[in-house]
Amino acid sequence: MTLGDLSAFLLRQPLLALTIAAILLAVSTGMVAVTRPRLGQAMRNCAYLGLVAVLLLTVAQLAGHNERSEAALWLDRTRPAQIVGRETVISMRADGHFWVQAKFNGQPVDFLIDTGATYTGMSHRVAEQVGIEPDADDRGMILETANGSIVARRGTAASLSFGGVEAHSLPVAIGPDGEVDTNVIGMNLLSQLAGWRVEGNRLILTPKAG
């Protein structure tokens, strides 16, 4: 293997290149420290930092490949939707669900898209955060959630938008704090679309023609 081949190989393997560089630096510190102690100590510190960086990057890489690990879920943040032509495309997250970062009354809020939910819903805390109050004449309604039945209040969101999807004066369900910890986009919004479908790990939403 020529020097050029070795350089090209290391460029394709940055973690390996960083590991080798850190080890060579650590070995050379012993020779330098004899005559220049301060420089040797600085080189030793850089070598240690390089090895720590290799360890952290390796752990992050392994976590990314293990899609169900807690680290992978933490690294896989909710992202805004993509617009492809007229369609809005949402990628599946590592937990196997479709999440989207939406503008909710003008503020960024993460939502789980749940085709099994009748209403778009959120906790009372999030409703207050975006300026939604329960309707004055509402007596509450019982909703079934993954954690059992809850009593939710009706409210109205001025706007909710993501990608090419936009809804105004949208009825929402406001759940009690402590019993609702996930914001969901339900069928009362999805039913306003021309259609939606799942292709592989992508949820594709088609708005109605304007």
Protein backbone atom coordinates (compact mmCIF):
# COMPACT_ATOMS: atom_id res chain seq x y z
CA MET A 1 0.00 0.00 0.00
CA THR A 2 1.41 3.36 -1.03
CA LEU A 3 1.34 6.48 1.12
CA GLY A 4 -1.37 7.89 -1.12
CA ASP A 5 -3.52 4.77 -0.69
CA LEU A 6 -3.07 4.94 3.09
CA SER A 7 -4.05 8.62 3.15
CA ALA A 8 -7.17 7.95 1.07
CA PHE A 9 -8.13 5.04 3.35
CA LEU A 10 -7.76 7.15 6.51
CA LEU A 11 -9.81 9.96 4.97
CA ARG A 12 -12.66 7.46 4.57
CA GLN A 13 -12.22 6.32 8.19
CA PRO A 14 -12.05 9.54 10.25
CA LEU A 15 -12.51 7.77 13.61
CA LEU A 16 -9.61 5.42 12.85
CA ALA A 17 -7.46 8.33 11.70
CA LEU A 18 -8.23 10.26 14.90
CA THR A 19 -7.44 7.20 17.02
CA ILE A 20 -4.07 6.65 15.32
CA ALA A 21 -3.19 10.34 15.61
CA ALA A 22 -4.05 10.38 19.33
CA ILE A 23 -1.99 7.24 20.00
CA LEU A 24 1.04 8.56 18.07
CA LEU A 25 0.78 11.84 19.93
CA ALA A 26 0.62 10.03 23.29
CA VAL A 27 3.69 7.91 22.41
CA SER A 28 5.72 10.91 21.26
CA THR A 29 5.06 12.84 24.47
CA GLY A 30 7.48 10.59 26.36
CA MET A 31 10.34 11.62 24.11
CA VAL A 32 9.46 15.31 24.08
CA ALA A 33 8.82 15.55 27.83
CA VAL A 34 12.47 14.71 28.61
CA THR A 35 13.76 17.98 27.17
CA ARG A 36 10.58 20.12 27.09
CA PRO A 37 8.28 19.14 29.99
CA ARG A 38 5.64 21.80 29.34
CA LEU A 39 5.30 20.92 25.67
CA GLY A 40 5.19 17.23 26.57
CA GLN A 41 2.37 17.85 29.07
CA ALA A 42 0.41 19.85 26.48
CA MET A 43 0.86 17.08 23.93
CA ARG A 44 -0.26 14.48 26.48
CA ASN A 45 -3.40 16.49 27.25
CA CYS A 46 -4.22 16.77 23.54
CA ALA A 47 -3.75 13.02 23.14
CA TYR A 48 -6.14 12.33 26.02
CA LEU A 49 -8.73 14.71 24.56
CA GLY A 50 -8.41 12.98 21.19
CA LEU A 51 -9.00 9.55 22.73
CA VAL A 52 -12.01 10.83 24.69
CA ALA A 53 -13.41 12.32 21.48
CA VAL A 54 -12.97 8.97 19.71
CA LEU A 55 -14.81 7.19 22.54
CA LEU A 56 -17.73 9.65 22.51
CA LEU A 57 -18.03 9.59 18.70
CA THR A 58 -17.97 5.79 18.71
CA VAL A 59 -20.75 5.63 21.31
CA ALA A 60 -22.83 8.13 19.31
CA GLN A 61 -22.28 6.14 16.11
CA LEU A 62 -23.33 2.87 17.76
CA ALA A 63 -26.40 4.55 19.28
CA GLY A 64 -27.41 5.90 15.90
CA HIS A 65 -27.32 2.43 14.35
CA ASN A 66 -29.37 0.99 17.22
CA GLU A 67 -32.65 2.69 16.32
CA ARG A 68 -34.47 1.61 19.49
CA SER A 69 -31.88 2.73 22.01
CA GLU A 70 -32.60 5.65 24.33
CA ALA A 71 -29.56 7.44 22.93
CA ALA A 72 -30.87 7.04 19.38
CA LEU A 73 -34.22 8.50 20.42
CA TRP A 74 -32.47 11.43 22.06
CA LEU A 75 -30.29 12.05 19.01
CA ASP A 76 -33.24 11.72 16.63
CA ARG A 77 -34.91 15.06 17.21
CA THR A 78 -38.29 16.02 15.80
CA ARG A 79 -37.79 17.90 12.56
CA PRO A 80 -39.96 20.16 10.40
CA ALA A 81 -41.87 18.53 7.55
CA GLN A 82 -40.54 18.56 3.99
CA ILE A 83 -42.49 19.82 1.02
CA VAL A 84 -42.15 17.75 -2.16
CA GLY A 85 -44.24 19.23 -4.92
CA ARG A 86 -47.75 19.59 -3.46
CA GLU A 87 -47.15 16.92 -0.82
CA THR A 88 -45.93 17.22 2.74
CA VAL A 89 -43.53 14.44 3.76
CA ILE A 90 -42.82 13.45 7.37
CA SER A 91 -40.10 10.92 8.18
CA MET A 92 -40.59 8.24 10.80
CA ARG A 93 -38.57 8.75 13.95
CA ALA A 94 -36.55 6.08 15.74
CA ASP A 95 -39.52 5.23 18.00
CA GLY A 96 -41.54 4.09 14.97
CA HIS A 97 -43.95 7.06 15.03
CA PHE A 98 -44.39 10.12 12.87
CA TRP A 99 -43.52 13.34 14.66
CA VAL A 100 -43.48 16.82 13.22
CA GLN A 101 -42.46 20.25 14.43
CA ALA A 102 -45.42 22.53 13.72
CA LYS A 103 -46.27 26.18 14.16
CA PHE A 104 -49.07 26.23 16.74
CA ASN A 105 -50.59 29.68 17.07
CA GLY A 106 -47.26 30.90 15.71
CA GLN A 107 -45.10 28.99 18.21
CA PRO A 108 -43.01 25.87 17.52
CA VAL A 109 -44.54 22.76 19.12
CA ASP A 110 -43.73 19.07 18.54
CA PHE A 111 -46.70 16.90 17.61
CA LEU A 112 -47.25 13.17 17.20
CA ILE A 113 -49.46 12.47 14.19
CA ASP A 114 -52.02 9.97 15.48
CA THR A 115 -54.59 8.64 13.02
CA GLY A 116 -56.34 6.94 15.91
CA ALA A 117 -57.06 10.22 17.70
CA THR A 118 -60.34 11.97 16.97
CA TYR A 119 -59.14 15.41 18.04
CA THR A 120 -55.93 17.35 17.91
CA GLY A 121 -54.93 17.58 21.56
CA MET A 122 -52.41 18.92 24.01
CA SER A 123 -51.88 19.41 27.72
CA HIS A 124 -53.27 22.40 29.61
CA ARG A 125 -49.72 23.72 30.01
CA VAL A 126 -49.09 23.77 26.24
CA ALA A 127 -52.52 25.34 25.62
CA GLU A 128 -51.64 28.17 28.00
CA GLN A 129 -48.24 28.53 26.38
CA VAL A 130 -49.76 29.18 22.94
CA GLY A 131 -52.69 31.22 24.24
CA ILE A 132 -55.60 28.76 23.96
CA GLU A 133 -58.29 28.82 26.65
CA PRO A 134 -61.10 26.29 27.12
CA ASP A 135 -64.42 27.40 25.63
CA ALA A 136 -66.48 29.19 28.26
CA ASP A 137 -69.60 27.04 27.71
CA ASP A 138 -67.74 23.72 27.47
CA ARG A 139 -68.47 21.11 30.16
CA GLY A 140 -65.70 18.79 29.11
CA MET A 141 -65.61 15.54 27.19
CA ILE A 142 -64.26 12.08 27.91
CA LEU A 143 -61.42 10.91 25.68
CA GLU A 144 -59.74 7.53 25.58
CA THR A 145 -55.94 7.66 25.69
CA ALA A 146 -53.17 5.08 25.99
CA ASN A 147 -53.26 5.68 29.75
CA GLY A 148 -57.04 5.38 30.09
CA SER A 149 -59.97 7.80 30.05
CA ILE A 150 -59.46 11.51 30.70
CA VAL A 151 -61.76 14.52 30.87
CA ALA A 152 -60.65 17.10 28.32
CA ARG A 153 -61.89 20.60 27.60
CA ARG A 154 -62.67 21.96 24.15
CA GLY A 155 -60.82 24.95 22.77
CA THR A 156 -59.99 26.54 19.44
CA ALA A 157 -56.56 27.02 17.90
CA ALA A 158 -56.21 30.07 15.70
CA SER A 159 -53.71 28.27 13.45
CA LEU A 160 -51.69 25.08 13.14
CA SER A 161 -49.32 24.60 10.23
CA PHE A 162 -46.49 22.35 9.11
CA GLY A 163 -45.05 21.81 5.64
CA GLY A 164 -47.82 22.62 3.18
CA VAL A 165 -50.58 21.80 5.69
CA GLU A 166 -52.40 24.66 7.37
CA ALA A 167 -55.56 24.76 9.48
CA HIS A 168 -57.39 27.72 11.01
CA SER A 169 -59.97 27.88 13.81
CA LEU A 170 -59.20 24.25 14.58
CA PRO A 171 -61.14 22.62 17.44
CA VAL A 172 -58.74 21.06 19.94
CA ALA A 173 -58.92 18.99 23.10
CA ILE A 174 -57.11 20.32 26.16
CA GLY A 175 -56.13 17.59 28.58
CA PRO A 176 -55.17 17.96 32.23
CA ASP A 177 -51.48 18.31 33.07
CA GLY A 178 -49.98 15.10 34.39
CA GLU A 179 -52.37 12.94 32.36
CA VAL A 180 -51.46 14.29 28.93
CA ASP A 181 -47.78 14.55 28.09
CA THR A 182 -47.90 14.21 24.28
CA ASN A 183 -49.31 16.70 21.80
CA VAL A 184 -51.18 14.90 19.01
CA ILE A 185 -52.53 15.84 15.60
CA GLY A 186 -55.75 13.92 15.16
CA MET A 187 -58.29 13.13 12.49
CA ASN A 188 -60.15 16.43 12.82
CA LEU A 189 -57.16 17.97 11.02
CA LEU A 190 -56.19 15.02 8.82
CA SER A 191 -59.75 14.73 7.50
CA GLN A 192 -59.37 18.20 5.99
CA LEU A 193 -56.69 16.91 3.62
CA ALA A 194 -57.19 15.50 0.14
CA GLY A 195 -55.49 12.33 1.36
CA TRP A 196 -52.64 10.76 3.29
CA ARG A 197 -50.64 7.55 2.95
CA VAL A 198 -47.64 5.75 4.40
CA GLU A 199 -44.81 4.68 2.11
CA GLY A 200 -42.08 2.83 3.95
CA ASN A 201 -40.88 5.12 6.71
CA ARG A 202 -42.55 8.23 5.30
CA LEU A 203 -45.97 9.71 5.96
CA ILE A 204 -47.17 11.64 2.92
CA LEU A 205 -49.94 14.21 3.31
CA THR A 206 -51.71 15.82 0.35
CA PRO A 207 -53.51 19.11 1.05
CA LYS A 208 -56.67 19.96 -0.85
CA ALA A 209 -56.18 22.15 -3.87
CA GLY A 210 -56.52 25.78 -2.94
